[in-house]
Protein backbone atom coordinates (compact mmCIF):
# COMPACT_ATOMS: atom_id res chain seq x y z
CA MET A 1 0.01 -0.19 -0.14
CA ALA A 2 3.15 2.00 0.82
CA TRP A 3 4.16 1.72 -2.64
CA LEU A 4 0.84 2.72 -4.40
CA GLY A 5 0.64 6.16 -2.47
CA PHE A 6 4.04 6.70 -3.26
CA VAL A 7 3.67 6.33 -6.98
CA THR A 8 0.27 8.00 -6.74
CA LEU A 9 1.65 10.86 -5.32
CA ILE A 10 4.74 11.18 -8.02
CA THR A 11 2.05 10.93 -10.53
CA ILE A 12 0.16 14.02 -9.31
CA TYR A 13 3.37 15.90 -8.83
CA TRP A 14 4.19 15.22 -12.71
CA CYS A 15 0.64 16.30 -13.64
CA PHE A 16 1.09 19.47 -11.77
CA PHE A 17 4.51 19.76 -13.66
CA LEU A 18 3.03 19.42 -17.09
CA VAL A 19 0.45 22.44 -16.13
CA VAL A 20 3.65 24.65 -15.89
CA THR A 21 5.28 23.46 -19.05
CA THR A 22 2.11 23.19 -20.94
CA GLY A 23 0.05 25.88 -19.95
CA ARG A 24 -2.76 23.51 -19.78
CA TRP A 25 -4.85 23.51 -16.45
CA GLY A 26 -6.21 20.13 -17.67
CA TRP A 27 -3.47 17.98 -16.08
CA GLY A 28 -4.05 19.59 -12.75
CA ILE A 29 -7.83 18.64 -13.11
CA LEU A 30 -6.86 15.27 -13.53
CA THR A 31 -5.20 14.53 -10.63
CA GLY A 32 -8.62 14.71 -8.77
CA TRP A 33 -9.19 11.12 -9.62
CA LEU A 34 -5.92 9.98 -8.14
CA LEU A 35 -6.96 11.82 -4.81
CA PRO A 36 -9.15 8.93 -3.14
CA ILE A 37 -6.29 6.83 -4.27
CA LEU A 38 -3.97 8.97 -2.27
CA ALA A 39 -6.02 9.37 0.26
CA MET A 40 -6.85 5.02 1.07
CA ALA A 41 -2.87 4.91 0.81
CA ILE A 42 -1.80 7.72 3.59
CA SER A 43 -4.95 6.82 5.96
CA PHE A 44 -4.26 2.85 5.70
CA GLU A 45 -3.90 0.99 8.57
CA GLU A 46 -3.62 -2.82 9.41
CA GLY A 47 -7.49 -4.69 8.88
CA MET A 48 -8.50 -1.68 7.35
CA GLN A 49 -10.49 -3.02 4.29
CA VAL A 50 -9.62 -1.69 0.79
CA ASN A 51 -12.21 -1.27 -1.86
CA GLY A 52 -10.32 -2.42 -5.07
CA LEU A 53 -13.49 -1.53 -7.24
CA MET A 54 -12.78 2.17 -6.32
CA VAL A 55 -9.01 2.04 -7.13
CA LEU A 56 -9.72 0.52 -10.43
CA ILE A 57 -12.56 3.02 -11.35
CA CYS A 58 -10.24 5.98 -10.53
CA LEU A 59 -7.14 4.37 -12.37
CA ALA A 60 -9.10 3.32 -15.42
CA LEU A 61 -10.89 7.08 -15.46
CA PHE A 62 -7.41 8.80 -14.98
CA LEU A 63 -6.05 6.94 -18.35
CA LEU A 64 -9.10 7.68 -20.00
CA CYS A 65 -9.19 11.36 -19.32
CA ARG A 66 -5.28 11.69 -19.87
CA ARG A 67 -6.10 10.25 -23.26
CA GLY A 68 -7.32 13.76 -24.23
CA LEU A 69 -4.32 15.51 -23.29
CA THR A 70 -1.58 13.59 -24.08
CA GLU A 71 0.50 13.78 -27.88
CA ILE A 72 -1.15 16.93 -28.58
CA ARG A 73 0.66 20.48 -29.91
CA GLY A 74 -2.22 22.02 -31.21
CA TRP A 75 -5.85 21.49 -31.49
CA ASN A 76 -9.05 23.17 -32.55
CA ILE A 77 -12.01 21.31 -31.07
CA LYS A 78 -14.54 24.24 -31.95
CA GLN A 79 -15.53 22.83 -35.29
CA ARG A 80 -16.11 19.32 -34.45
CA LYS A 81 -19.57 17.86 -34.53
CA LYS A 82 -21.77 17.82 -31.89
CA HIS A 83 -23.11 14.84 -30.50
CA PRO A 84 -25.10 15.69 -27.31
CA VAL A 85 -26.54 12.40 -27.00
CA ILE A 86 -22.95 10.91 -26.75
CA PHE A 87 -21.46 13.73 -24.62
CA TRP A 88 -24.73 13.37 -22.18
CA THR A 89 -24.68 9.82 -21.58
CA LEU A 90 -20.55 10.13 -21.06
CA TYR A 91 -21.39 12.91 -18.42
CA VAL A 92 -24.04 10.65 -16.72
CA ILE A 93 -21.76 7.62 -16.70
CA ILE A 94 -18.76 9.10 -15.76
CA PHE A 95 -20.61 11.31 -12.67
CA LEU A 96 -21.86 7.82 -11.37
CA LEU A 97 -18.88 6.68 -11.18
CA MET A 98 -17.08 9.69 -9.64
CA LEU A 99 -20.16 9.80 -7.13
CA TYR A 100 -19.74 5.84 -6.26
CA SER A 101 -15.99 6.54 -5.68
CA VAL A 102 -16.06 9.56 -3.69
CA ALA A 103 -18.94 8.08 -1.46
CA GLN A 104 -16.64 5.02 -1.11
CA ALA A 105 -13.87 7.01 0.07
CA GLN A 106 -15.62 9.05 2.62
CA ILE A 107 -17.67 5.77 4.17
CA ARG A 108 -14.58 3.73 4.10
CA GLY A 109 -12.99 6.61 5.91
CA TYR A 110 -10.18 7.37 3.85
CA ILE A 111 -11.57 10.98 3.40
CA LEU A 112 -13.94 13.31 5.65
CA ASN A 113 -17.44 12.26 5.36
CA ILE A 114 -18.66 15.68 4.69
CA GLN A 115 -21.71 14.20 2.82
CA GLY A 116 -23.23 12.24 5.54
CA TRP A 117 -22.71 9.06 3.74
CA GLY A 118 -23.96 6.12 5.92
CA SER A 119 -25.86 8.03 8.63
CA GLU A 120 -29.35 7.45 9.67
CA THR A 121 -30.52 10.75 9.16
CA MET A 122 -28.97 11.72 5.56
CA PRO A 123 -28.46 15.34 5.40
CA TYR A 124 -30.07 16.30 1.91
CA VAL A 125 -29.14 19.75 1.80
CA ARG A 126 -25.49 19.24 2.67
CA LEU A 127 -25.33 16.48 0.04
CA LEU A 128 -26.75 18.79 -2.92
CA LEU A 129 -24.68 21.71 -1.98
CA THR A 130 -21.23 19.54 -2.11
CA ILE A 131 -22.58 17.54 -5.06
CA LEU A 132 -23.02 20.50 -7.51
CA PRO A 133 -18.79 21.06 -7.60
CA LEU A 134 -18.54 17.83 -8.14
CA LEU A 135 -21.30 18.19 -11.31
CA VAL A 136 -19.06 20.82 -12.56
CA LEU A 137 -15.79 18.83 -12.23
CA ASN A 138 -17.43 16.27 -14.18
CA TYR A 139 -17.82 18.44 -17.16
CA PHE A 140 -14.42 18.76 -17.67
CA TYR A 141 -13.99 15.09 -17.20
CA THR A 142 -16.40 14.30 -20.04
CA ALA A 143 -14.97 16.53 -22.20
CA GLN A 144 -11.30 15.08 -21.74
CA VAL A 145 -12.98 11.60 -22.58
CA TYR A 146 -15.00 12.75 -25.30
CA THR A 147 -11.64 13.96 -26.70
CA GLY A 148 -9.81 11.11 -26.24
CA ILE A 149 -12.89 9.06 -28.22
CA ASP A 150 -12.41 11.73 -30.88
CA ARG A 151 -8.71 10.94 -30.96
CA SER A 152 -9.27 7.18 -31.21
CA ARG A 153 -9.43 7.33 -35.23
CA LEU A 154 -7.21 9.67 -36.57
CA LYS A 155 -6.58 10.80 -40.19
CA GLU A 156 -3.49 12.01 -41.26
CA TRP A 157 -2.86 14.97 -43.47
CA GLU A 158 -0.72 18.00 -44.13
CA LEU A 159 -1.54 21.31 -43.85
CA ILE A 160 0.56 24.48 -44.96
CA LEU A 161 -0.20 28.18 -43.18
CA LEU A 162 0.86 31.28 -44.27
CA SER A 163 0.59 34.83 -42.61
CA CYS A 164 1.07 32.95 -39.20
CA ARG A 165 0.64 34.85 -36.28
CA CYS A 166 1.09 33.57 -32.49
CA PHE A 167 -0.56 35.55 -29.57
CA VAL A 168 -1.49 35.14 -26.32
CA SER A 169 -5.43 35.79 -25.60
CA HIS A 170 -8.70 34.44 -24.34
CA GLU A 171 -10.53 32.42 -26.81
CA SER A 172 -12.70 35.45 -27.41
CA GLY A 173 -9.92 37.07 -29.34
CA ALA A 174 -9.55 39.64 -26.76
CA GLU A 175 -5.93 39.98 -26.03
CA LYS A 176 -4.13 40.96 -22.63
CA ILE A 177 -6.95 39.63 -20.30
CA ALA A 178 -6.89 37.60 -16.93
CA LYS A 179 -7.54 34.25 -18.57
CA GLN A 180 -4.84 33.63 -21.44
CA GLY A 181 -4.11 31.27 -23.51
CA HIS A 182 -1.47 30.43 -26.20
CA TYR A 183 -2.84 30.49 -29.81
CA LEU A 184 -1.88 29.81 -33.57
CA GLU A 185 -3.56 31.81 -36.60
CA GLY A 186 -2.62 31.03 -40.37
CA ILE A 187 -4.37 31.34 -43.88
CA ASN A 188 -4.72 28.36 -46.22
CA ASN A 189 -6.11 28.77 -49.49
CA GLY A 190 -7.98 31.81 -48.08
CA VAL A 191 -9.73 30.01 -45.31
CA THR A 192 -8.42 31.22 -41.91
CA TYR A 193 -7.70 28.42 -39.47
CA HIS A 194 -7.33 28.82 -35.36
CA PHE A 195 -5.31 26.64 -32.91
CA GLN A 196 -4.83 26.46 -29.18
CA LEU A 197 -1.10 25.84 -28.48
CA THR A 198 0.82 24.70 -25.58
CA LYS A 199 2.90 26.80 -24.22
CA ARG A 200 6.19 25.40 -25.34
CA THR A 201 4.72 24.50 -28.83
CA PHE A 202 3.81 29.00 -28.39
CA GLN A 203 7.48 29.52 -28.21
CA MET A 204 8.69 27.22 -30.88
CA LEU A 205 6.44 28.74 -33.38
CA LYS A 206 5.79 32.56 -32.13
CA LYS A 207 8.29 33.69 -35.12
CA GLU A 208 7.18 31.90 -37.96
CA LYS A 209 5.05 33.50 -40.90
CA THR A 210 4.57 30.01 -42.80
CA LEU A 211 4.26 26.83 -41.41
CA ARG A 212 3.85 23.19 -42.44
CA LEU A 213 2.40 21.14 -39.84
CA GLN A 214 1.43 17.39 -39.86
CA MET A 215 -2.75 17.44 -38.78
CA ARG A 216 -4.80 14.57 -37.64
CA THR A 217 -8.82 14.73 -37.90
CA GLY A 218 -10.63 12.82 -35.01
CA ILE A 219 -13.91 11.09 -35.78
CA PHE A 220 -15.82 14.04 -34.54
CA GLY A 221 -13.79 16.46 -36.46
CA GLY A 222 -11.48 17.59 -34.34
CA LEU A 223 -7.98 19.20 -35.37
CA TYR A 224 -4.63 18.34 -34.03
CA ILE A 225 -1.20 19.18 -34.31
CA THR A 226 0.59 16.17 -33.78
CA GLU A 227 3.86 16.94 -35.42
CA LEU A 228 5.59 20.17 -36.54
CA GLY A 229 7.57 18.82 -39.57
CA ASN A 230 10.83 21.09 -38.72
CA PRO A 231 13.48 19.57 -36.10
CA ASP A 232 14.84 22.95 -35.80
CA PHE A 233 11.94 24.59 -34.08
CA PHE A 234 13.46 22.39 -31.17
CA LYS A 235 16.29 23.92 -30.47
CA ARG A 236 14.56 27.18 -29.70
CA VAL A 237 13.43 25.86 -26.65
CA ARG A 238 16.74 24.24 -25.53
CA ARG A 239 17.23 27.00 -22.73
CA LEU A 240 13.47 26.66 -21.80
CA ASP A 241 13.68 22.67 -21.39
CA ARG A 242 16.96 22.99 -19.61
CA LYS A 243 15.08 25.49 -17.04
CA TYR A 244 12.30 23.34 -16.88
CA ALA A 245 14.30 20.13 -16.49
CA LYS A 246 16.36 21.93 -13.52
CA PHE A 247 13.01 23.08 -11.47
CA GLY A 248 11.60 19.41 -12.22
CA ILE A 249 14.33 17.08 -11.20
CA PHE A 250 14.91 19.55 -8.12
CA PHE A 251 10.96 19.49 -7.22
CA CYS A 252 10.65 15.71 -7.80
CA LEU A 253 13.32 14.90 -5.35
CA LEU A 254 11.76 16.93 -2.87
CA VAL A 255 8.28 15.33 -3.61
CA MET A 256 10.02 11.53 -3.52
CA ALA A 257 11.62 12.89 -0.36
CA PHE A 258 8.09 13.43 1.06
CA GLY A 259 6.96 10.45 0.21
CA VAL A 260 9.28 8.32 1.44
CA TRP A 261 9.01 10.03 4.82
CA LEU A 262 4.79 9.96 4.60
CA PHE A 263 4.44 6.26 3.92
CA TRP A 264 7.32 4.57 5.45
CA PHE A 265 8.81 6.79 8.68
CA TYR A 266 5.53 8.83 9.60
């Protein structure tokens, strides 16, 4: 159990490290699936019953949501086809699995039972108020799984963009406001394409006026940039990569030391 908690703690650190390096908060949200496992490992005592089904559900949903985030340098999901029946069916299924996992973690004492599961007088008002944040969180998880399904079968093609412009702004197009993202805009055959970029990809492309991109189109019509087509782009972020590597290794060692203390000496 100590090893399970240790690996879970390192994985949570890795997710937040990716938030810093990619600028995608989805990696931080993803750690929600690992928190019940971490709480179980921390509170585990001899004779305590382990809910294996809860662990399997959390691990499976973590991997499914992760599929919607990995191996993407840029993306445009605004124009993909709408399938509300599929999306909201996934929403209900994932929410029920999340609710089961959270409820089991509270019932078995892994985390504080703030919702009152298992009590004779169920506090329904408090239960409703504490479920509302889960409903909001579940929307992001469903979007990640939906993107993962979209990427399950990809059609490859090449896109050449002219008059490219990289900028930092909100999706509304208003630049220099509080909620910012990294974007690419370019023209091909009179059609303007827009992509949201990871922070690292933005640093690679921000000075380019013409781009040749290796694209993938998902089964729902989402557009994904997987390859940049020019190895010289990676030379532009070597200093940034070294900086991230130094900080990443330093904090990883700290987290590992904390994990050893927490699971073997505390």
